[in-house]
């Protein structure tokens, strides 16, 4: 079932989209369990757009194929740090982060050529994008003023969180029914981030998972419906050859 081009996390903390060539792609919900999927195209680059839906700063940890996108390590909500988004702000994960200045593009490709397979020797977690989101701990007004709470972080309004935090569960990284796609590493892109302190509010993160595979595979699994009729499929040959209606 087509659900639009963005989806909210279960607790409504973020709204996320998958973009190719700057265009948000259609998302589909699988009948039965409600899991969300996007159709990827082999060889195409993509980015992940996130919008903070609330009035408090948040930290967003993102993974692709079970790998942390900000550092070459497994995705884990306790050990990994994420990007910090100001209230009501929007930002993007443009690729695998290689420094504070650059990322390398996310590229749809074969599971065997994915970053995850090259890092671990396993394709078990390919075909899944994960977001784990923490709200910032709330402070009294006087404390907020002392620590510069709410100070703009720049045009992109994101920075890498650096404070310690407590959590005891990892981002779900199970493969979405055996994807035929994985995510490799592409061209370098300039994408600068800074750093900021961030203390997570107590409790579990709000976790959003988006699976991906080719359009053909998703149709075969009943996640996408049959192709829509095309009113302009190409040049015709004339009507003379057709039999008249009885």
C-alpha atoms as a PDB file:
ATOM      1  CA  UNK A   1       0.000   0.000   0.000  1.00  0.00           C
ATOM      2  CA  UNK A   2       1.398   3.373  -1.017  1.00  0.00           C
ATOM      3  CA  UNK A   3       1.649   5.654   2.045  1.00  0.00           C
ATOM      4  CA  UNK A   4       3.249   8.760   0.516  1.00  0.00           C
ATOM      5  CA  UNK A   5       6.869   9.925   0.394  1.00  0.00           C
ATOM      6  CA  UNK A   6       7.559  10.247   4.123  1.00  0.00           C
ATOM      7  CA  UNK A   7       6.814   8.241   7.245  1.00  0.00           C
ATOM      8  CA  UNK A   8       6.796   9.109  10.932  1.00  0.00           C
ATOM      9  CA  UNK A   9       8.519   7.074  13.612  1.00  0.00           C
ATOM     10  CA  UNK A  10       6.197   5.074  15.907  1.00  0.00           C
ATOM     11  CA  UNK A  11       6.135   7.799  18.579  1.00  0.00           C
ATOM     12  CA  UNK A  12       6.009  10.641  16.061  1.00  0.00           C
ATOM     13  CA  UNK A  13       9.378  12.129  17.021  1.00  0.00           C
ATOM     14  CA  UNK A  14      10.693  12.278  13.435  1.00  0.00           C
ATOM     15  CA  UNK A  15       9.489  12.127   9.865  1.00  0.00           C
ATOM     16  CA  UNK A  16      11.851  10.442   7.389  1.00  0.00           C
ATOM     17  CA  UNK A  17      12.172  10.228   3.610  1.00  0.00           C
ATOM     18  CA  UNK A  18      14.476   8.462   1.144  1.00  0.00           C
ATOM     19  CA  UNK A  19      15.612  10.697  -1.734  1.00  0.00           C
ATOM     20  CA  UNK A  20      17.082   9.910  -5.142  1.00  0.00           C
ATOM     21  CA  UNK A  21      18.273  12.878  -7.232  1.00  0.00           C
ATOM     22  CA  UNK A  22      16.725  15.163  -4.625  1.00  0.00           C
ATOM     23  CA  UNK A  23      13.245  13.677  -4.987  1.00  0.00           C
ATOM     24  CA  UNK A  24      11.535  11.881  -2.117  1.00  0.00           C
ATOM     25  CA  UNK A  25      10.635   8.352  -3.205  1.00  0.00           C
ATOM     26  CA  UNK A  26       7.269   6.624  -2.695  1.00  0.00           C
ATOM     27  CA  UNK A  27       7.022   4.503   0.429  1.00  0.00           C
ATOM     28  CA  UNK A  28       4.913   1.362   0.785  1.00  0.00           C
ATOM     29  CA  UNK A  29       3.524  -0.486   3.775  1.00  0.00           C
ATOM     30  CA  UNK A  30       3.580  -4.290   3.666  1.00  0.00           C
ATOM     31  CA  UNK A  31       0.208  -5.930   4.312  1.00  0.00           C
ATOM     32  CA  UNK A  32       0.039  -7.940   7.498  1.00  0.00           C
ATOM     33  CA  UNK A  33       2.927  -6.571   9.571  1.00  0.00           C
ATOM     34  CA  UNK A  34       2.895  -2.950   8.374  1.00  0.00           C
ATOM     35  CA  UNK A  35       6.630  -2.711   7.672  1.00  0.00           C
ATOM     36  CA  UNK A  36       7.624   0.185   5.412  1.00  0.00           C
ATOM     37  CA  UNK A  37       9.641  -0.237   2.201  1.00  0.00           C
ATOM     38  CA  UNK A  38      11.142   1.887  -0.558  1.00  0.00           C
ATOM     39  CA  UNK A  39      12.093   0.735  -4.071  1.00  0.00           C
ATOM     40  CA  UNK A  40      15.801   1.154  -4.801  1.00  0.00           C
ATOM     41  CA  UNK A  41      17.507   1.272  -8.192  1.00  0.00           C
ATOM     42  CA  UNK A  42      20.878  -0.477  -8.643  1.00  0.00           C
ATOM     43  CA  UNK A  43      23.644   2.036  -9.254  1.00  0.00           C
ATOM     44  CA  UNK A  44      21.687   5.033  -7.974  1.00  0.00           C
ATOM     45  CA  UNK A  45      22.761   7.212  -5.059  1.00  0.00           C
ATOM     46  CA  UNK A  46      20.347   8.147  -2.295  1.00  0.00           C
ATOM     47  CA  UNK A  47      20.137  10.295   0.810  1.00  0.00           C
ATOM     48  CA  UNK A  48      18.077  10.116   3.994  1.00  0.00           C
ATOM     49  CA  UNK A  49      16.102  13.183   5.061  1.00  0.00           C
ATOM     50  CA  UNK A  50      14.917  13.599   8.635  1.00  0.00           C
ATOM     51  CA  UNK A  51      12.598  16.196  10.132  1.00  0.00           C
ATOM     52  CA  UNK A  52      12.370  16.823  13.863  1.00  0.00           C
ATOM     53  CA  UNK A  53       8.634  16.998  14.568  1.00  0.00           C
ATOM     54  CA  UNK A  54       8.967  18.331  18.123  1.00  0.00           C
ATOM     55  CA  UNK A  55       9.905  21.402  20.116  1.00  0.00           C
ATOM     56  CA  UNK A  56      13.026  19.897  21.701  1.00  0.00           C
ATOM     57  CA  UNK A  57      16.412  18.964  20.281  1.00  0.00           C
ATOM     58  CA  UNK A  58      16.831  15.325  19.298  1.00  0.00           C
ATOM     59  CA  UNK A  59      19.683  12.970  18.496  1.00  0.00           C
ATOM     60  CA  UNK A  60      19.223  10.719  15.468  1.00  0.00           C
ATOM     61  CA  UNK A  61      21.353   7.617  14.995  1.00  0.00           C
ATOM     62  CA  UNK A  62      21.080   6.208  11.479  1.00  0.00           C
ATOM     63  CA  UNK A  63      22.155   2.819  10.152  1.00  0.00           C
ATOM     64  CA  UNK A  64      22.186   1.255   6.705  1.00  0.00           C
ATOM     65  CA  UNK A  65      22.412  -2.537   6.421  1.00  0.00           C
ATOM     66  CA  UNK A  66      23.094  -2.637  10.157  1.00  0.00           C
ATOM     67  CA  UNK A  67      26.145  -0.313   9.898  1.00  0.00           C
ATOM     68  CA  UNK A  68      26.390   3.051  11.635  1.00  0.00           C
ATOM     69  CA  UNK A  69      26.464   5.772   8.963  1.00  0.00           C
ATOM     70  CA  UNK A  70      28.640   8.183  10.965  1.00  0.00           C
ATOM     71  CA  UNK A  71      31.390   5.717  11.852  1.00  0.00           C
ATOM     72  CA  UNK A  72      32.596   2.359  10.558  1.00  0.00           C
ATOM     73  CA  UNK A  73      30.989   0.213  13.255  1.00  0.00           C
ATOM     74  CA  UNK A  74      27.870  -1.885  13.885  1.00  0.00           C
ATOM     75  CA  UNK A  75      24.694   0.044  14.643  1.00  0.00           C
ATOM     76  CA  UNK A  76      23.949   0.135  18.359  1.00  0.00           C
ATOM     77  CA  UNK A  77      21.839   2.605  20.312  1.00  0.00           C
ATOM     78  CA  UNK A  78      24.066   2.455  23.394  1.00  0.00           C
ATOM     79  CA  UNK A  79      27.485   2.814  21.752  1.00  0.00           C
ATOM     80  CA  UNK A  80      26.754   4.947  18.683  1.00  0.00           C
ATOM     81  CA  UNK A  81      26.284   8.701  18.630  1.00  0.00           C
ATOM     82  CA  UNK A  82      24.086  10.493  16.125  1.00  0.00           C
ATOM     83  CA  UNK A  83      23.335  13.850  14.542  1.00  0.00           C
ATOM     84  CA  UNK A  84      21.595  16.472  16.674  1.00  0.00           C
ATOM     85  CA  UNK A  85      18.650  18.322  15.154  1.00  0.00           C
ATOM     86  CA  UNK A  86      17.225  21.559  16.534  1.00  0.00           C
ATOM     87  CA  UNK A  87      13.509  21.771  17.246  1.00  0.00           C
ATOM     88  CA  UNK A  88      11.385  21.621  14.060  1.00  0.00           C
ATOM     89  CA  UNK A  89      14.494  21.444  11.865  1.00  0.00           C
ATOM     90  CA  UNK A  90      15.271  19.244   8.862  1.00  0.00           C
ATOM     91  CA  UNK A  91      18.571  17.696   7.808  1.00  0.00           C
ATOM     92  CA  UNK A  92      20.015  14.884   5.719  1.00  0.00           C
ATOM     93  CA  UNK A  93      22.317  11.909   6.056  1.00  0.00           C
ATOM     94  CA  UNK A  94      24.069  12.273   2.700  1.00  0.00           C
ATOM     95  CA  UNK A  95      26.215   9.151   2.850  1.00  0.00           C
ATOM     96  CA  UNK A  96      28.800   7.228   4.827  1.00  0.00           C
ATOM     97  CA  UNK A  97      30.636   9.813   6.928  1.00  0.00           C
ATOM     98  CA  UNK A  98      34.416   9.716   6.450  1.00  0.00           C
ATOM     99  CA  UNK A  99      35.281  13.000   8.222  1.00  0.00           C
ATOM    100  CA  UNK A 100      33.700  16.129   9.675  1.00  0.00           C
ATOM    101  CA  UNK A 101      33.899  17.601   6.176  1.00  0.00           C
ATOM    102  CA  UNK A 102      32.918  14.773   3.826  1.00  0.00           C
ATOM    103  CA  UNK A 103      30.701  11.777   3.249  1.00  0.00           C
ATOM    104  CA  UNK A 104      30.746   9.025   0.607  1.00  0.00           C
ATOM    105  CA  UNK A 105      27.455   8.469  -1.210  1.00  0.00           C
ATOM    106  CA  UNK A 106      25.010   5.712  -0.346  1.00  0.00           C
ATOM    107  CA  UNK A 107      24.754   3.635  -3.548  1.00  0.00           C
ATOM    108  CA  UNK A 108      22.192   0.903  -4.186  1.00  0.00           C
ATOM    109  CA  UNK A 109      23.951  -2.229  -5.415  1.00  0.00           C
ATOM    110  CA  UNK A 110      24.402  -5.933  -4.851  1.00  0.00           C
ATOM    111  CA  UNK A 111      24.447  -7.258  -1.270  1.00  0.00           C
ATOM    112  CA  UNK A 112      27.876  -8.802  -1.920  1.00  0.00           C
ATOM    113  CA  UNK A 113      29.334  -5.366  -2.761  1.00  0.00           C
ATOM    114  CA  UNK A 114      27.696  -3.607   0.188  1.00  0.00           C
ATOM    115  CA  UNK A 115      29.688  -1.883   2.906  1.00  0.00           C
ATOM    116  CA  UNK A 116      28.149  -4.276   5.423  1.00  0.00           C
ATOM    117  CA  UNK A 117      29.319  -7.371   3.532  1.00  0.00           C
ATOM    118  CA  UNK A 118      32.812  -5.943   3.096  1.00  0.00           C
ATOM    119  CA  UNK A 119      33.002  -5.025   6.790  1.00  0.00           C
ATOM    120  CA  UNK A 120      31.604  -8.237   8.259  1.00  0.00           C
ATOM    121  CA  UNK A 121      31.743 -10.895   5.552  1.00  0.00           C
ATOM    122  CA  UNK A 122      27.976 -11.314   5.931  1.00  0.00           C
ATOM    123  CA  UNK A 123      24.987 -10.116   3.898  1.00  0.00           C
ATOM    124  CA  UNK A 124      22.514 -10.933   6.686  1.00  0.00           C
ATOM    125  CA  UNK A 125      21.479  -7.337   7.416  1.00  0.00           C
ATOM    126  CA  UNK A 126      21.366  -5.862   3.913  1.00  0.00           C
ATOM    127  CA  UNK A 127      18.196  -4.181   2.737  1.00  0.00           C
ATOM    128  CA  UNK A 128      17.304  -2.194   5.854  1.00  0.00           C
ATOM    129  CA  UNK A 129      17.615   1.438   6.969  1.00  0.00           C
ATOM    130  CA  UNK A 130      17.264   2.255  10.663  1.00  0.00           C
ATOM    131  CA  UNK A 131      16.746   5.399  12.734  1.00  0.00           C
ATOM    132  CA  UNK A 132      16.959   5.493  16.530  1.00  0.00           C
ATOM    133  CA  UNK A 133      15.872   8.817  18.013  1.00  0.00           C
ATOM    134  CA  UNK A 134      16.391  10.287  21.465  1.00  0.00           C
ATOM    135  CA  UNK A 135      14.840  13.466  22.791  1.00  0.00           C
ATOM    136  CA  UNK A 136      17.133  15.724  24.793  1.00  0.00           C
ATOM    137  CA  UNK A 137      16.866  15.680  28.536  1.00  0.00           C
ATOM    138  CA  UNK A 138      14.709  18.537  29.795  1.00  0.00           C
ATOM    139  CA  UNK A 139      16.419  21.127  32.004  1.00  0.00           C
ATOM    140  CA  UNK A 140      15.041  23.920  34.211  1.00  0.00           C
ATOM    141  CA  UNK A 141      14.918  27.324  32.511  1.00  0.00           C
ATOM    142  CA  UNK A 142      17.888  28.682  34.491  1.00  0.00           C
ATOM    143  CA  UNK A 143      20.031  25.702  33.503  1.00  0.00           C
ATOM    144  CA  UNK A 144      19.038  26.067  29.852  1.00  0.00           C
ATOM    145  CA  UNK A 145      20.244  29.690  29.858  1.00  0.00           C
ATOM    146  CA  UNK A 146      23.576  28.742  31.466  1.00  0.00           C
ATOM    147  CA  UNK A 147      24.361  26.023  28.925  1.00  0.00           C
ATOM    148  CA  UNK A 148      23.253  27.962  25.850  1.00  0.00           C
ATOM    149  CA  UNK A 149      20.295  25.675  25.234  1.00  0.00           C
ATOM    150  CA  UNK A 150      18.724  26.277  21.845  1.00  0.00           C
ATOM    151  CA  UNK A 151      21.689  28.135  20.355  1.00  0.00           C
ATOM    152  CA  UNK A 152      21.617  27.730  16.539  1.00  0.00           C
ATOM    153  CA  UNK A 153      24.127  25.212  15.245  1.00  0.00           C
ATOM    154  CA  UNK A 154      24.463  26.618  11.753  1.00  0.00           C
ATOM    155  CA  UNK A 155      22.619  26.424   8.461  1.00  0.00           C
ATOM    156  CA  UNK A 156      22.144  22.669   8.562  1.00  0.00           C
ATOM    157  CA  UNK A 157      21.123  22.772  12.254  1.00  0.00           C
ATOM    158  CA  UNK A 158      22.845  19.452  12.894  1.00  0.00           C
ATOM    159  CA  UNK A 159      25.948  18.413  14.788  1.00  0.00           C
ATOM    160  CA  UNK A 160      27.454  15.180  15.997  1.00  0.00           C
ATOM    161  CA  UNK A 161      26.450  14.382  19.565  1.00  0.00           C
ATOM    162  CA  UNK A 162      29.376  13.845  21.887  1.00  0.00           C
ATOM    163  CA  UNK A 163      27.996  13.266  25.388  1.00  0.00           C
ATOM    164  CA  UNK A 164      27.760   9.839  27.009  1.00  0.00           C
ATOM    165  CA  UNK A 165      24.338   8.221  27.206  1.00  0.00           C
ATOM    166  CA  UNK A 166      22.626   5.155  28.579  1.00  0.00           C
ATOM    167  CA  UNK A 167      20.695   2.652  26.494  1.00  0.00           C
ATOM    168  CA  UNK A 168      20.563  -1.102  26.429  1.00  0.00           C
ATOM    169  CA  UNK A 169      19.138  -2.134  23.068  1.00  0.00           C
ATOM    170  CA  UNK A 170      20.538  -2.115  19.542  1.00  0.00           C
ATOM    171  CA  UNK A 171      18.864  -0.845  16.396  1.00  0.00           C
ATOM    172  CA  UNK A 172      16.973  -3.695  14.736  1.00  0.00           C
ATOM    173  CA  UNK A 173      19.200  -4.922  11.951  1.00  0.00           C
ATOM    174  CA  UNK A 174      17.464  -8.018  10.657  1.00  0.00           C
ATOM    175  CA  UNK A 175      17.195  -8.342   6.903  1.00  0.00           C
ATOM    176  CA  UNK A 176      13.830  -7.426   5.440  1.00  0.00           C
ATOM    177  CA  UNK A 177      12.941 -10.860   3.992  1.00  0.00           C
ATOM    178  CA  UNK A 178      16.214 -11.348   2.110  1.00  0.00           C
ATOM    179  CA  UNK A 179      16.822  -8.186   0.099  1.00  0.00           C
ATOM    180  CA  UNK A 180      18.423  -8.451  -3.334  1.00  0.00           C
ATOM    181  CA  UNK A 181      19.944  -4.996  -2.814  1.00  0.00           C
ATOM    182  CA  UNK A 182      22.599  -3.681  -0.475  1.00  0.00           C
ATOM    183  CA  UNK A 183      24.263  -0.285  -0.074  1.00  0.00           C
ATOM    184  CA  UNK A 184      27.766   0.327  -1.323  1.00  0.00           C
ATOM    185  CA  UNK A 185      30.014   3.372  -1.165  1.00  0.00           C
ATOM    186  CA  UNK A 186      30.113   6.069  -3.828  1.00  0.00           C
ATOM    187  CA  UNK A 187      31.634   9.445  -4.634  1.00  0.00           C
ATOM    188  CA  UNK A 188      32.806  11.928  -2.048  1.00  0.00           C
ATOM    189  CA  UNK A 189      30.450  14.746  -1.095  1.00  0.00           C
ATOM    190  CA  UNK A 190      31.191  17.858   0.911  1.00  0.00           C
ATOM    191  CA  UNK A 191      29.028  17.754   4.028  1.00  0.00           C
ATOM    192  CA  UNK A 192      30.335  19.591   7.072  1.00  0.00           C
ATOM    193  CA  UNK A 193      29.239  18.973  10.643  1.00  0.00           C
ATOM    194  CA  UNK A 194      30.394  20.262  13.996  1.00  0.00           C
ATOM    195  CA  UNK A 195      30.013  18.861  17.478  1.00  0.00           C
ATOM    196  CA  UNK A 196      27.747  19.622  20.414  1.00  0.00           C
ATOM    197  CA  UNK A 197      26.977  18.230  23.850  1.00  0.00           C
ATOM    198  CA  UNK A 198      23.747  16.294  24.202  1.00  0.00           C
ATOM    199  CA  UNK A 199      22.238  14.399  27.121  1.00  0.00           C
ATOM    200  CA  UNK A 200      19.594  11.870  26.217  1.00  0.00           C
ATOM    201  CA  UNK A 201      16.301  11.853  28.040  1.00  0.00           C
ATOM    202  CA  UNK A 202      15.670   8.635  29.991  1.00  0.00           C
ATOM    203  CA  UNK A 203      13.866   5.823  28.218  1.00  0.00           C
ATOM    204  CA  UNK A 204      14.060   3.822  25.031  1.00  0.00           C
ATOM    205  CA  UNK A 205      14.667   5.472  21.648  1.00  0.00           C
ATOM    206  CA  UNK A 206      11.927   5.938  19.072  1.00  0.00           C
ATOM    207  CA  UNK A 207      12.943   3.470  16.329  1.00  0.00           C
ATOM    208  CA  UNK A 208      11.926   3.662  12.674  1.00  0.00           C
ATOM    209  CA  UNK A 209      12.869   0.966  10.137  1.00  0.00           C
ATOM    210  CA  UNK A 210      12.575   1.249   6.338  1.00  0.00           C
ATOM    211  CA  UNK A 211      13.312  -1.783   4.183  1.00  0.00           C
ATOM    212  CA  UNK A 212      14.416  -1.545   0.571  1.00  0.00           C
ATOM    213  CA  UNK A 213      14.606  -3.730  -2.516  1.00  0.00           C
ATOM    214  CA  UNK A 214      14.054  -3.390  -6.248  1.00  0.00           C
ATOM    215  CA  UNK A 215      10.618  -2.496  -7.582  1.00  0.00           C
ATOM    216  CA  UNK A 216      10.384  -5.886  -9.280  1.00  0.00           C
ATOM    217  CA  UNK A 217      11.025  -7.760  -6.040  1.00  0.00           C
ATOM    218  CA  UNK A 218       8.646  -5.599  -4.014  1.00  0.00           C
ATOM    219  CA  UNK A 219       5.903  -6.203  -6.573  1.00  0.00           C
ATOM    220  CA  UNK A 220       6.574  -9.919  -6.476  1.00  0.00           C
ATOM    221  CA  UNK A 221       6.150  -9.908  -2.696  1.00  0.00           C
ATOM    222  CA  UNK A 222       2.860  -8.042  -2.894  1.00  0.00           C
ATOM    223  CA  UNK A 223       4.267  -4.894  -1.249  1.00  0.00           C
ATOM    224  CA  UNK A 224       3.749  -2.845  -4.389  1.00  0.00           C
ATOM    225  CA  UNK A 225       0.593  -3.315  -6.392  1.00  0.00           C
ATOM    226  CA  UNK A 226       0.526  -4.003 -10.137  1.00  0.00           C
ATOM    227  CA  UNK A 227       1.806  -1.184 -12.344  1.00  0.00           C
ATOM    228  CA  UNK A 228      -0.663   1.633 -12.902  1.00  0.00           C
ATOM    229  CA  UNK A 229      -2.124   1.928 -16.415  1.00  0.00           C
ATOM    230  CA  UNK A 230      -0.134   4.367 -18.576  1.00  0.00           C
ATOM    231  CA  UNK A 231      -2.249   6.726 -20.697  1.00  0.00           C
ATOM    232  CA  UNK A 232       0.735   7.480 -23.001  1.00  0.00           C
ATOM    233  CA  UNK A 233       2.745   4.236 -23.357  1.00  0.00           C
ATOM    234  CA  UNK A 234       4.308   5.134 -26.723  1.00  0.00           C
ATOM    235  CA  UNK A 235       3.640   5.434 -30.461  1.00  0.00           C
ATOM    236  CA  UNK A 236       0.701   3.455 -31.857  1.00  0.00           C
ATOM    237  CA  UNK A 237       0.136   1.777 -35.224  1.00  0.00           C
ATOM    238  CA  UNK A 238      -3.409   2.814 -36.040  1.00  0.00           C
ATOM    239  CA  UNK A 239      -6.790   1.238 -35.373  1.00  0.00           C
ATOM    240  CA  UNK A 240      -7.436  -0.476 -38.718  1.00  0.00           C
ATOM    241  CA  UNK A 241      -6.214  -3.865 -37.564  1.00  0.00           C
ATOM    242  CA  UNK A 242      -8.725  -4.171 -34.731  1.00  0.00           C
ATOM    243  CA  UNK A 243     -12.002  -6.020 -35.061  1.00  0.00           C
ATOM    244  CA  UNK A 244     -15.140  -3.941 -34.466  1.00  0.00           C
ATOM    245  CA  UNK A 245     -17.021  -4.532 -31.246  1.00  0.00           C
ATOM    246  CA  UNK A 246     -19.864  -7.074 -31.656  1.00  0.00           C
END
